[in-house]
Amino acid sequence: MRLNGWQRIGLVASIVWVLAGGFWGNKIALDDADALTRAQRDACIAQNKRLYGEYGPYDQVYTPCSNQVGANYIHNAEGHWMAAALFAFVPLPIAWLIAYVLIALGRWIRAGFAKQ
């Protein structure tokens, strides 16, 4: 099967999108995991400050929360590759379908103006 110029451009754009979209989707998922982890840490510190006072002992206010950050981040980041894959691959068939529908529509309109 031979590809015309527009199909080749679409193929190259699709490959670029898979790479860029995958990295972009992964970054979005990891940024969301980071934001959630920070919120969990802040909530933990706020709870400990209520228990031990605003200027309570560091090892009772901050240390337990700092010890949980790594585990919370790993839990929150689970599935980030799935998000990256969805972000990279789901738009492709939709974009190709839209492109072919627009091409067919353009040909149909152009045929309406052709001399009979």
PDB file of N, CA and C in Angstrom:
ATOM      1  N   MET A   1       0.853  -1.177   0.000  1.00  0.00           N
ATOM      2  CA  MET A   1       0.000   0.000   0.000  1.00  0.00           C
ATOM      3  C   MET A   1       0.898   1.240   0.000  1.00  0.00           C
ATOM      4  N   ARG A   2       0.631   2.114  -0.911  1.00  0.00           N
ATOM      5  CA  ARG A   2       1.386   3.357  -1.003  1.00  0.00           C
ATOM      6  C   ARG A   2       0.637   4.449  -0.264  1.00  0.00           C
ATOM      7  N   LEU A   3       1.390   5.258   0.463  1.00  0.00           N
ATOM      8  CA  LEU A   3       0.802   6.369   1.209  1.00  0.00           C
ATOM      9  C   LEU A   3       1.013   7.656   0.429  1.00  0.00           C
ATOM     10  N   ASN A   4      -0.037   8.486   0.387  1.00  0.00           N
ATOM     11  CA  ASN A   4       0.155   9.785  -0.246  1.00  0.00           C
ATOM     12  C   ASN A   4       0.821  10.731   0.748  1.00  0.00           C
ATOM     13  N   GLY A   5       1.094  11.940   0.320  1.00  0.00           N
ATOM     14  CA  GLY A   5       1.825  12.894   1.156  1.00  0.00           C
ATOM     15  C   GLY A   5       1.115  13.217   2.454  1.00  0.00           C
ATOM     16  N   TRP A   6      -0.198  13.399   2.403  1.00  0.00           N
ATOM     17  CA  TRP A   6      -0.950  13.746   3.615  1.00  0.00           C
ATOM     18  C   TRP A   6      -0.961  12.587   4.600  1.00  0.00           C
ATOM     19  N   GLN A   7      -1.060  11.380   4.085  1.00  0.00           N
ATOM     20  CA  GLN A   7      -1.032  10.212   4.970  1.00  0.00           C
ATOM     21  C   GLN A   7       0.331  10.066   5.629  1.00  0.00           C
ATOM     22  N   ARG A   8       1.387  10.374   4.893  1.00  0.00           N
ATOM     23  CA  ARG A   8       2.732  10.320   5.474  1.00  0.00           C
ATOM     24  C   ARG A   8       2.892  11.382   6.558  1.00  0.00           C
ATOM     25  N   ILE A   9       2.361  12.568   6.299  1.00  0.00           N
ATOM     26  CA  ILE A   9       2.401  13.622   7.327  1.00  0.00           C
ATOM     27  C   ILE A   9       1.620  13.169   8.555  1.00  0.00           C
ATOM     28  N   GLY A  10       0.464  12.562   8.343  1.00  0.00           N
ATOM     29  CA  GLY A  10      -0.339  12.059   9.460  1.00  0.00           C
ATOM     30  C   GLY A  10       0.367  10.962  10.237  1.00  0.00           C
ATOM     31  N   LEU A  11       1.073  10.086   9.530  1.00  0.00           N
ATOM     32  CA  LEU A  11       1.805   9.020  10.195  1.00  0.00           C
ATOM     33  C   LEU A  11       2.937   9.581  11.052  1.00  0.00           C
ATOM     34  N   VAL A  12       3.688  10.534  10.504  1.00  0.00           N
ATOM     35  CA  VAL A  12       4.774  11.155  11.267  1.00  0.00           C
ATOM     36  C   VAL A  12       4.199  11.920  12.459  1.00  0.00           C
ATOM     37  N   ALA A  13       3.117  12.655  12.248  1.00  0.00           N
ATOM     38  CA  ALA A  13       2.488  13.397  13.351  1.00  0.00           C
ATOM     39  C   ALA A  13       1.978  12.437  14.427  1.00  0.00           C
ATOM     40  N   SER A  14       1.478  11.273  14.021  1.00  0.00           N
ATOM     41  CA  SER A  14       0.996  10.286  14.990  1.00  0.00           C
ATOM     42  C   SER A  14       2.145   9.748  15.836  1.00  0.00           C
ATOM     43  N   ILE A  15       3.274   9.468  15.200  1.00  0.00           N
ATOM     44  CA  ILE A  15       4.434   8.964  15.939  1.00  0.00           C
ATOM     45  C   ILE A  15       4.942  10.030  16.912  1.00  0.00           C
ATOM     46  N   VAL A  16       5.001  11.269  16.437  1.00  0.00           N
ATOM     47  CA  VAL A  16       5.440  12.360  17.313  1.00  0.00           C
ATOM     48  C   VAL A  16       4.469  12.508  18.478  1.00  0.00           C
ATOM     49  N   TRP A  17       3.167  12.407  18.204  1.00  0.00           N
ATOM     50  CA  TRP A  17       2.182  12.533  19.278  1.00  0.00           C
ATOM     51  C   TRP A  17       2.320  11.414  20.306  1.00  0.00           C
ATOM     52  N   VAL A  18       2.547  10.172  19.839  1.00  0.00           N
ATOM     53  CA  VAL A  18       2.683   9.059  20.781  1.00  0.00           C
ATOM     54  C   VAL A  18       3.845   9.329  21.737  1.00  0.00           C
ATOM     55  N   LEU A  19       4.958   9.797  21.203  1.00  0.00           N
ATOM     56  CA  LEU A  19       6.109  10.078  22.062  1.00  0.00           C
ATOM     57  C   LEU A  19       5.845  11.279  22.971  1.00  0.00           C
ATOM     58  N   ALA A  20       5.471  12.402  22.375  1.00  0.00           N
ATOM     59  CA  ALA A  20       5.255  13.622  23.167  1.00  0.00           C
ATOM     60  C   ALA A  20       4.053  13.475  24.095  1.00  0.00           C
ATOM     61  N   GLY A  21       2.966  12.909  23.589  1.00  0.00           N
ATOM     62  CA  GLY A  21       1.770  12.727  24.410  1.00  0.00           C
ATOM     63  C   GLY A  21       2.004  11.760  25.561  1.00  0.00           C
ATOM     64  N   GLY A  22       2.802  10.729  25.322  1.00  0.00           N
ATOM     65  CA  GLY A  22       3.128   9.800  26.393  1.00  0.00           C
ATOM     66  C   GLY A  22       3.911  10.470  27.514  1.00  0.00           C
ATOM     67  N   PHE A  23       4.921  11.251  27.123  1.00  0.00           N
ATOM     68  CA  PHE A  23       5.685  11.978  28.139  1.00  0.00           C
ATOM     69  C   PHE A  23       4.815  13.008  28.850  1.00  0.00           C
ATOM     70  N   TRP A  24       3.975  13.680  28.092  1.00  0.00           N
ATOM     71  CA  TRP A  24       3.099  14.699  28.666  1.00  0.00           C
ATOM     72  C   TRP A  24       2.105  14.074  29.643  1.00  0.00           C
ATOM     73  N   GLY A  25       1.466  12.991  29.232  1.00  0.00           N
ATOM     74  CA  GLY A  25       0.518  12.302  30.112  1.00  0.00           C
ATOM     75  C   GLY A  25       1.187  11.770  31.365  1.00  0.00           C
ATOM     76  N   ASN A  26       2.410  11.255  31.221  1.00  0.00           N
ATOM     77  CA  ASN A  26       3.149  10.767  32.379  1.00  0.00           C
ATOM     78  C   ASN A  26       3.464  11.909  33.339  1.00  0.00           C
ATOM     79  N   LYS A  27       3.870  13.050  32.780  1.00  0.00           N
ATOM     80  CA  LYS A  27       4.181  14.215  33.619  1.00  0.00           C
ATOM     81  C   LYS A  27       2.942  14.700  34.364  1.00  0.00           C
ATOM     82  N   ILE A  28       1.818  14.738  33.687  1.00  0.00           N
ATOM     83  CA  ILE A  28       0.575  15.168  34.332  1.00  0.00           C
ATOM     84  C   ILE A  28       0.225  14.223  35.488  1.00  0.00           C
ATOM     85  N   ALA A  29       0.333  12.912  35.244  1.00  0.00           N
ATOM     86  CA  ALA A  29       0.001  11.930  36.287  1.00  0.00           C
ATOM     87  C   ALA A  29       0.943  12.048  37.475  1.00  0.00           C
ATOM     88  N   LEU A  30       2.240  12.231  37.201  1.00  0.00           N
ATOM     89  CA  LEU A  30       3.204  12.345  38.303  1.00  0.00           C
ATOM     90  C   LEU A  30       3.055  13.673  39.042  1.00  0.00           C
ATOM     91  N   ASP A  31       2.719  14.739  38.323  1.00  0.00           N
ATOM     92  CA  ASP A  31       2.471  16.023  38.994  1.00  0.00           C
ATOM     93  C   ASP A  31       1.247  15.947  39.904  1.00  0.00           C
ATOM     94  N   ASP A  32       0.206  15.245  39.447  1.00  0.00           N
ATOM     95  CA  ASP A  32      -0.978  15.046  40.286  1.00  0.00           C
ATOM     96  C   ASP A  32      -0.638  14.223  41.530  1.00  0.00           C
ATOM     97  N   ALA A  33       0.187  13.191  41.345  1.00  0.00           N
ATOM     98  CA  ALA A  33       0.603  12.370  42.487  1.00  0.00           C
ATOM     99  C   ALA A  33       1.408  13.207  43.476  1.00  0.00           C
ATOM    100  N   ASP A  34       2.276  14.074  42.974  1.00  0.00           N
ATOM    101  CA  ASP A  34       3.077  14.937  43.837  1.00  0.00           C
ATOM    102  C   ASP A  34       2.191  15.911  44.614  1.00  0.00           C
ATOM    103  N   ALA A  35       1.222  16.513  43.927  1.00  0.00           N
ATOM    104  CA  ALA A  35       0.326  17.459  44.595  1.00  0.00           C
ATOM    105  C   ALA A  35      -0.490  16.761  45.686  1.00  0.00           C
ATOM    106  N   LEU A  36      -0.969  15.559  45.396  1.00  0.00           N
ATOM    107  CA  LEU A  36      -1.738  14.812  46.391  1.00  0.00           C
ATOM    108  C   LEU A  36      -0.853  14.436  47.578  1.00  0.00           C
ATOM    109  N   THR A  37       0.387  14.044  47.311  1.00  0.00           N
ATOM    110  CA  THR A  37       1.308  13.689  48.391  1.00  0.00           C
ATOM    111  C   THR A  37       1.599  14.895  49.278  1.00  0.00           C
ATOM    112  N   ARG A  38       1.799  16.057  48.674  1.00  0.00           N
ATOM    113  CA  ARG A  38       2.024  17.278  49.461  1.00  0.00           C
ATOM    114  C   ARG A  38       0.806  17.611  50.326  1.00  0.00           C
ATOM    115  N   ALA A  39      -0.387  17.447  49.748  1.00  0.00           N
ATOM    116  CA  ALA A  39      -1.608  17.721  50.505  1.00  0.00           C
ATOM    117  C   ALA A  39      -1.741  16.752  51.680  1.00  0.00           C
ATOM    118  N   GLN A  40      -1.396  15.491  51.451  1.00  0.00           N
ATOM    119  CA  GLN A  40      -1.451  14.509  52.537  1.00  0.00           C
ATOM    120  C   GLN A  40      -0.447  14.852  53.636  1.00  0.00           C
ATOM    121  N   ARG A  41       0.760  15.267  53.235  1.00  0.00           N
ATOM    122  CA  ARG A  41       1.771  15.654  54.227  1.00  0.00           C
ATOM    123  C   ARG A  41       1.308  16.872  55.031  1.00  0.00           C
ATOM    124  N   ASP A  42       0.756  17.867  54.345  1.00  0.00           N
ATOM    125  CA  ASP A  42       0.282  19.067  55.028  1.00  0.00           C
ATOM    126  C   ASP A  42      -0.867  18.748  55.988  1.00  0.00           C
ATOM    127  N   ALA A  43      -1.759  17.853  55.565  1.00  0.00           N
ATOM    128  CA  ALA A  43      -2.867  17.453  56.441  1.00  0.00           C
ATOM    129  C   ALA A  43      -2.345  16.707  57.670  1.00  0.00           C
ATOM    130  N   CYS A  44      -1.339  15.871  57.483  1.00  0.00           N
ATOM    131  CA  CYS A  44      -0.725  15.140  58.601  1.00  0.00           C
ATOM    132  C   CYS A  44      -0.082  16.116  59.588  1.00  0.00           C
ATOM    133  N   ILE A  45       0.652  17.096  59.055  1.00  0.00           N
ATOM    134  CA  ILE A  45       1.296  18.087  59.928  1.00  0.00           C
ATOM    135  C   ILE A  45       0.251  18.906  60.671  1.00  0.00           C
ATOM    136  N   ALA A  46      -0.808  19.303  59.974  1.00  0.00           N
ATOM    137  CA  ALA A  46      -1.858  20.083  60.627  1.00  0.00           C
ATOM    138  C   ALA A  46      -2.522  19.275  61.741  1.00  0.00           C
ATOM    139  N   GLN A  47      -2.751  17.998  61.506  1.00  0.00           N
ATOM    140  CA  GLN A  47      -3.352  17.157  62.539  1.00  0.00           C
ATOM    141  C   GLN A  47      -2.415  17.029  63.739  1.00  0.00           C
ATOM    142  N   ASN A  48      -1.133  16.838  63.485  1.00  0.00           N
ATOM    143  CA  ASN A  48      -0.176  16.716  64.594  1.00  0.00           C
ATOM    144  C   ASN A  48      -0.025  18.029  65.358  1.00  0.00           C
ATOM    145  N   LYS A  49      -0.144  19.150  64.663  1.00  0.00           N
ATOM    146  CA  LYS A  49      -0.078  20.446  65.356  1.00  0.00           C
ATOM    147  C   LYS A  49      -1.284  20.632  66.273  1.00  0.00           C
ATOM    148  N   ARG A  50      -2.436  20.115  65.847  1.00  0.00           N
ATOM    149  CA  ARG A  50      -3.610  20.187  66.712  1.00  0.00           C
ATOM    150  C   ARG A  50      -3.417  19.318  67.957  1.00  0.00           C
ATOM    151  N   LEU A  51      -2.766  18.183  67.778  1.00  0.00           N
ATOM    152  CA  LEU A  51      -2.554  17.274  68.903  1.00  0.00           C
ATOM    153  C   LEU A  51      -1.472  17.769  69.866  1.00  0.00           C
ATOM    154  N   TYR A  52      -0.357  18.268  69.326  1.00  0.00           N
ATOM    155  CA  TYR A  52       0.803  18.604  70.154  1.00  0.00           C
ATOM    156  C   TYR A  52       1.048  20.105  70.276  1.00  0.00           C
ATOM    157  N   GLY A  53       0.189  20.917  69.702  1.00  0.00           N
ATOM    158  CA  GLY A  53       0.361  22.367  69.755  1.00  0.00           C
ATOM    159  C   GLY A  53       1.136  22.875  68.544  1.00  0.00           C
ATOM    160  N   GLU A  54       1.002  24.157  68.292  1.00  0.00           N
ATOM    161  CA  GLU A  54       1.632  24.790  67.129  1.00  0.00           C
ATOM    162  C   GLU A  54       3.143  24.588  67.120  1.00  0.00           C
ATOM    163  N   TYR A  55       3.766  24.631  68.260  1.00  0.00           N
ATOM    164  CA  TYR A  55       5.224  24.490  68.342  1.00  0.00           C
ATOM    165  C   TYR A  55       5.602  23.225  69.115  1.00  0.00           C
ATOM    166  N   GLY A  56       4.902  22.139  68.815  1.00  0.00           N
ATOM    167  CA  GLY A  56       5.164  20.866  69.477  1.00  0.00           C
ATOM    168  C   GLY A  56       6.516  20.306  69.074  1.00  0.00           C
ATOM    169  N   PRO A  57       6.926  19.222  69.705  1.00  0.00           N
ATOM    170  CA  PRO A  57       8.222  18.619  69.394  1.00  0.00           C
ATOM    171  C   PRO A  57       8.299  18.191  67.923  1.00  0.00           C
ATOM    172  N   TYR A  58       9.434  18.491  67.319  1.00  0.00           N
ATOM    173  CA  TYR A  58       9.635  18.210  65.896  1.00  0.00           C
ATOM    174  C   TYR A  58       9.424  16.734  65.592  1.00  0.00           C
ATOM    175  N   ASP A  59       9.959  15.873  66.437  1.00  0.00           N
ATOM    176  CA  ASP A  59       9.861  14.437  66.164  1.00  0.00           C
ATOM    177  C   ASP A  59       8.436  13.906  66.312  1.00  0.00           C
ATOM    178  N   GLN A  60       7.549  14.655  66.929  1.00  0.00           N
ATOM    179  CA  GLN A  60       6.158  14.232  67.039  1.00  0.00           C
ATOM    180  C   GLN A  60       5.267  14.920  66.014  1.00  0.00           C
ATOM    181  N   VAL A  61       5.659  16.107  65.573  1.00  0.00           N
ATOM    182  CA  VAL A  61       4.825  16.860  64.627  1.00  0.00           C
ATOM    183  C   VAL A  61       5.227  16.561  63.176  1.00  0.00           C
ATOM    184  N   TYR A  62       6.506  16.662  62.863  1.00  0.00           N
ATOM    185  CA  TYR A  62       6.948  16.588  61.471  1.00  0.00           C
ATOM    186  C   TYR A  62       7.499  15.226  61.058  1.00  0.00           C
ATOM    187  N   THR A  63       8.221  14.572  61.921  1.00  0.00           N
ATOM    188  CA  THR A  63       8.902  13.320  61.548  1.00  0.00           C
ATOM    189  C   THR A  63       7.939  12.235  61.077  1.00  0.00           C
ATOM    190  N   PRO A  64       6.815  11.968  61.766  1.00  0.00           N
ATOM    191  CA  PRO A  64       5.911  10.919  61.260  1.00  0.00           C
ATOM    192  C   PRO A  64       5.387  11.223  59.861  1.00  0.00           C
ATOM    193  N   CYS A  65       5.143  12.487  59.612  1.00  0.00           N
ATOM    194  CA  CYS A  65       4.615  12.879  58.298  1.00  0.00           C
ATOM    195  C   CYS A  65       5.691  12.741  57.225  1.00  0.00           C
ATOM    196  N   SER A  66       6.916  13.118  57.553  1.00  0.00           N
ATOM    197  CA  SER A  66       8.017  12.983  56.599  1.00  0.00           C
ATOM    198  C   SER A  66       8.291  11.525  56.289  1.00  0.00           C
ATOM    199  N   ASN A  67       8.121  10.659  57.263  1.00  0.00           N
ATOM    200  CA  ASN A  67       8.348   9.234  57.040  1.00  0.00           C
ATOM    201  C   ASN A  67       7.305   8.618  56.114  1.00  0.00           C
ATOM    202  N   GLN A  68       6.127   9.207  56.031  1.00  0.00           N
ATOM    203  CA  GLN A  68       5.053   8.681  55.193  1.00  0.00           C
ATOM    204  C   GLN A  68       5.111   9.182  53.755  1.00  0.00           C
ATOM    205  N   VAL A  69       5.887  10.215  53.481  1.00  0.00           N
ATOM    206  CA  VAL A  69       5.873  10.853  52.162  1.00  0.00           C
ATOM    207  C   VAL A  69       6.240   9.873  51.048  1.00  0.00           C
ATOM    208  N   GLY A  70       7.308   9.121  51.229  1.00  0.00           N
ATOM    209  CA  GLY A  70       7.742   8.190  50.188  1.00  0.00           C
ATOM    210  C   GLY A  70       6.693   7.146  49.854  1.00  0.00           C
ATOM    211  N   ALA A  71       6.138   6.540  50.875  1.00  0.00           N
ATOM    212  CA  ALA A  71       5.115   5.510  50.658  1.00  0.00           C
ATOM    213  C   ALA A  71       3.855   6.110  50.040  1.00  0.00           C
ATOM    214  N   ASN A  72       3.477   7.300  50.492  1.00  0.00           N
ATOM    215  CA  ASN A  72       2.302   7.960  49.920  1.00  0.00           C
ATOM    216  C   ASN A  72       2.512   8.285  48.449  1.00  0.00           C
ATOM    217  N   TYR A  73       3.717   8.768  48.100  1.00  0.00           N
ATOM    218  CA  TYR A  73       3.985   9.125  46.704  1.00  0.00           C
ATOM    219  C   TYR A  73       3.936   7.886  45.817  1.00  0.00           C
ATOM    220  N   ILE A  74       4.532   6.801  46.267  1.00  0.00           N
ATOM    221  CA  ILE A  74       4.515   5.569  45.474  1.00  0.00           C
ATOM    222  C   ILE A  74       3.073   5.098  45.269  1.00  0.00           C
ATOM    223  N   HIS A  75       2.279   5.156  46.324  1.00  0.00           N
ATOM    224  CA  HIS A  75       0.870   4.760  46.206  1.00  0.00           C
ATOM    225  C   HIS A  75       0.112   5.702  45.266  1.00  0.00           C
ATOM    226  N   ASN A  76       0.339   7.011  45.401  1.00  0.00           N
ATOM    227  CA  ASN A  76      -0.379   7.988  44.576  1.00  0.00           C
ATOM    228  C   ASN A  76       0.043   7.938  43.110  1.00  0.00           C
ATOM    229  N   ALA A  77       1.272   7.507  42.845  1.00  0.00           N
ATOM    230  CA  ALA A  77       1.779   7.472  41.469  1.00  0.00           C
ATOM    231  C   ALA A  77       1.470   6.163  40.758  1.00  0.00           C
ATOM    232  N   GLU A  78       0.851   5.223  41.456  1.00  0.00           N
ATOM    233  CA  GLU A  78       0.501   3.956  40.799  1.00  0.00           C
ATOM    234  C   GLU A  78      -0.389   4.233  39.597  1.00  0.00           C
ATOM    235  N   GLY A  79      -0.097   3.566  38.518  1.00  0.00           N
ATOM    236  CA  GLY A  79      -0.911   3.732  37.319  1.00  0.00           C
ATOM    237  C   GLY A  79      -0.519   4.912  36.457  1.00  0.00           C
ATOM    238  N   HIS A  80       0.600   5.547  36.744  1.00  0.00           N
ATOM    239  CA  HIS A  80       0.967   6.718  35.934  1.00  0.00           C
ATOM    240  C   HIS A  80       1.315   6.320  34.510  1.00  0.00           C
ATOM    241  N   TRP A  81       1.822   5.093  34.300  1.00  0.00           N
ATOM    242  CA  TRP A  81       2.110   4.658  32.930  1.00  0.00           C
ATOM    243  C   TRP A  81       0.812   4.386  32.174  1.00  0.00           C
ATOM    244  N   MET A  82      -0.210   3.946  32.873  1.00  0.00           N
ATOM    245  CA  MET A  82      -1.504   3.747  32.213  1.00  0.00           C
ATOM    246  C   MET A  82      -2.072   5.089  31.756  1.00  0.00           C
ATOM    247  N   ALA A  83      -1.946   6.083  32.611  1.00  0.00           N
ATOM    248  CA  ALA A  83      -2.403   7.430  32.223  1.00  0.00           C
ATOM    249  C   ALA A  83      -1.614   7.935  31.032  1.00  0.00           C
ATOM    250  N   ALA A  84      -0.317   7.681  31.018  1.00  0.00           N
ATOM    251  CA  ALA A  84       0.519   8.108  29.891  1.00  0.00           C
ATOM    252  C   ALA A  84       0.096   7.397  28.610  1.00  0.00           C
ATOM    253  N   ALA A  85      -0.165   6.099  28.694  1.00  0.00           N
ATOM    254  CA  ALA A  85      -0.581   5.346  27.511  1.00  0.00           C
ATOM    255  C   ALA A  85      -1.933   5.813  26.994  1.00  0.00           C
ATOM    256  N   LEU A  86      -2.866   6.049  27.894  1.00  0.00           N
ATOM    257  CA  LEU A  86      -4.176   6.546  27.466  1.00  0.00           C
ATOM    258  C   LEU A  86      -4.053   7.910  26.809  1.00  0.00           C
ATOM    259  N   PHE A  87      -3.248   8.777  27.401  1.00  0.00           N
ATOM    260  CA  PHE A  87      -3.050  10.124  26.865  1.00  0.00           C
ATOM    261  C   PHE A  87      -2.380  10.068  25.497  1.00  0.00           C
ATOM    262  N   ALA A  88      -1.513   9.081  25.282  1.00  0.00           N
ATOM    263  CA  ALA A  88      -0.781   8.981  24.024  1.00  0.00           C
ATOM    264  C   ALA A  88      -1.609   8.326  22.916  1.00  0.00           C
ATOM    265  N   PHE A  89      -2.379   7.275  23.261  1.00  0.00           N
ATOM    266  CA  PHE A  89      -3.000   6.473  22.218  1.00  0.00           C
ATOM    267  C   PHE A  89      -4.485   6.739  21.970  1.00  0.00           C
ATOM    268  N   VAL A  90      -5.226   7.179  22.947  1.00  0.00           N
ATOM    269  CA  VAL A  90      -6.671   7.379  22.747  1.00  0.00           C
ATOM    270  C   VAL A  90      -6.977   8.461  21.701  1.00  0.00           C
ATOM    271  N   PRO A  91      -6.255   9.592  21.679  1.00  0.00           N
ATOM    272  CA  PRO A  91      -6.588  10.610  20.677  1.00  0.00           C
ATOM    273  C   PRO A  91      -6.295  10.206  19.228  1.00  0.00           C
ATOM    274  N   LEU A  92      -5.416   9.236  19.004  1.00  0.00           N
ATOM    275  CA  LEU A  92      -5.014   8.904  17.630  1.00  0.00           C
ATOM    276  C   LEU A  92      -6.162   8.417  16.742  1.00  0.00           C
ATOM    277  N   PRO A  93      -6.906   7.397  17.138  1.00  0.00           N
ATOM    278  CA  PRO A  93      -7.987   6.971  16.243  1.00  0.00           C
ATOM    279  C   PRO A  93      -9.056   8.051  16.071  1.00  0.00           C
ATOM    280  N   ILE A  94      -9.259   8.842  17.094  1.00  0.00           N
ATOM    281  CA  ILE A  94     -10.235   9.933  16.985  1.00  0.00           C
ATOM    282  C   ILE A  94      -9.753  10.957  15.962  1.00  0.00           C
ATOM    283  N   ALA A  95      -8.471  11.320  16.032  1.00  0.00           N
ATOM    284  CA  ALA A  95      -7.918  12.296  15.081  1.00  0.00           C
ATOM    285  C   ALA A  95      -7.955  11.760  13.654  1.00  0.00           C
ATOM    286  N   TRP A  96      -7.582  10.484  13.459  1.00  0.00           N
ATOM    287  CA  TRP A  96      -7.621   9.907  12.115  1.00  0.00           C
ATOM    288  C   TRP A  96      -9.056   9.843  11.580  1.00  0.00           C
ATOM    289  N   LEU A  97      -9.995   9.499  12.444  1.00  0.00           N
ATOM    290  CA  LEU A  97     -11.400   9.452  12.019  1.00  0.00           C
ATOM    291  C   LEU A  97     -11.883  10.841  11.606  1.00  0.00           C
ATOM    292  N   ILE A  98     -11.567  11.836  12.400  1.00  0.00           N
ATOM    293  CA  ILE A  98     -11.969  13.206  12.064  1.00  0.00           C
ATOM    294  C   ILE A  98     -11.334  13.637  10.745  1.00  0.00           C
ATOM    295  N   ALA A  99     -10.059  13.314  10.553  1.00  0.00           N
ATOM    296  CA  ALA A  99      -9.375  13.694   9.306  1.00  0.00           C
ATOM    297  C   ALA A  99     -10.058  13.054   8.104  1.00  0.00           C
ATOM    298  N   TYR A 100     -10.362  11.754   8.169  1.00  0.00           N
ATOM    299  CA  TYR A 100     -10.998  11.098   7.037  1.00  0.00           C
ATOM    300  C   TYR A 100     -12.423  11.589   6.811  1.00  0.00           C
ATOM    301  N   VAL A 101     -13.137  11.909   7.864  1.00  0.00           N
ATOM    302  CA  VAL A 101     -14.488  12.471   7.705  1.00  0.00           C
ATOM    303  C   VAL A 101     -14.410  13.833   7.028  1.00  0.00           C
ATOM    304  N   LEU A 102     -13.450  14.670   7.451  1.00  0.00           N
ATOM    305  CA  LEU A 102     -13.306  15.984   6.826  1.00  0.00           C
ATOM    306  C   LEU A 102     -12.887  15.871   5.363  1.00  0.00           C
ATOM    307  N   ILE A 103     -12.020  14.924   5.047  1.00  0.00           N
ATOM    308  CA  ILE A 103     -11.616  14.719   3.653  1.00  0.00           C
ATOM    309  C   ILE A 103     -12.811  14.268   2.820  1.00  0.00           C
ATOM    310  N   ALA A 104     -13.565  13.318   3.329  1.00  0.00           N
ATOM    311  CA  ALA A 104     -14.750  12.836   2.607  1.00  0.00           C
ATOM    312  C   ALA A 104     -15.770  13.953   2.431  1.00  0.00           C
ATOM    313  N   LEU A 105     -15.953  14.749   3.459  1.00  0.00           N
ATOM    314  CA  LEU A 105     -16.888  15.871   3.366  1.00  0.00           C
ATOM    315  C   LEU A 105     -16.421  16.882   2.326  1.00  0.00           C
ATOM    316  N   GLY A 106     -15.130  17.181   2.313  1.00  0.00           N
ATOM    317  CA  GLY A 106     -14.586  18.111   1.315  1.00  0.00           C
ATOM    318  C   GLY A 106     -14.754  17.593  -0.096  1.00  0.00           C
ATOM    319  N   ARG A 107     -14.518  16.301  -0.297  1.00  0.00           N
ATOM    320  CA  ARG A 107     -14.696  15.714  -1.637  1.00  0.00           C
ATOM    321  C   ARG A 107     -16.158  15.732  -2.055  1.00  0.00           C
ATOM    322  N   TRP A 108     -17.043  15.476  -1.112  1.00  0.00           N
ATOM    323  CA  TRP A 108     -18.478  15.492  -1.415  1.00  0.00           C
ATOM    324  C   TRP A 108     -18.936  16.896  -1.805  1.00  0.00           C
ATOM    325  N   ILE A 109     -18.455  17.902  -1.070  1.00  0.00           N
ATOM    326  CA  ILE A 109     -18.817  19.286  -1.396  1.00  0.00           C
ATOM    327  C   ILE A 109     -18.240  19.672  -2.748  1.00  0.00           C
ATOM    328  N   ARG A 110     -16.964  19.319  -2.983  1.00  0.00           N
ATOM    329  CA  ARG A 110     -16.321  19.652  -4.262  1.00  0.00           C
ATOM    330  C   ARG A 110     -17.054  18.980  -5.420  1.00  0.00           C
ATOM    331  N   ALA A 111     -17.526  17.751  -5.230  1.00  0.00           N
ATOM    332  CA  ALA A 111     -18.257  17.058  -6.282  1.00  0.00           C
ATOM    333  C   ALA A 111     -19.573  17.753  -6.595  1.00  0.00           C
ATOM    334  N   GLY A 112     -20.162  18.423  -5.623  1.00  0.00           N
ATOM    335  CA  GLY A 112     -21.392  19.157  -5.849  1.00  0.00           C
ATOM    336  C   GLY A 112     -21.202  20.376  -6.754  1.00  0.00           C
ATOM    337  N   PHE A 113     -19.985  20.914  -6.782  1.00  0.00           N
ATOM    338  CA  PHE A 113     -19.695  22.052  -7.634  1.00  0.00           C
ATOM    339  C   PHE A 113     -19.141  21.670  -9.002  1.00  0.00           C
ATOM    340  N   ALA A 114     -18.836  20.403  -9.197  1.00  0.00           N
ATOM    341  CA  ALA A 114     -18.277  19.941 -10.485  1.00  0.00           C
ATOM    342  C   ALA A 114     -19.329  20.065 -11.572  1.00  0.00           C
ATOM    343  N   LYS A 115     -18.855  20.377 -12.793  1.00  0.00           N
ATOM    344  CA  LYS A 115     -19.772  20.472 -13.929  1.00  0.00           C
ATOM    345  C   LYS A 115     -20.260  19.083 -14.316  1.00  0.00           C
ATOM    346  N   GLN A 116     -21.527  19.010 -14.620  1.00  0.00           N
ATOM    347  CA  GLN A 116     -22.109  17.719 -14.972  1.00  0.00           C
ATOM    348  C   GLN A 116     -22.295  17.589 -16.444  1.00  0.00           C
TER     349      GLN A 116
END
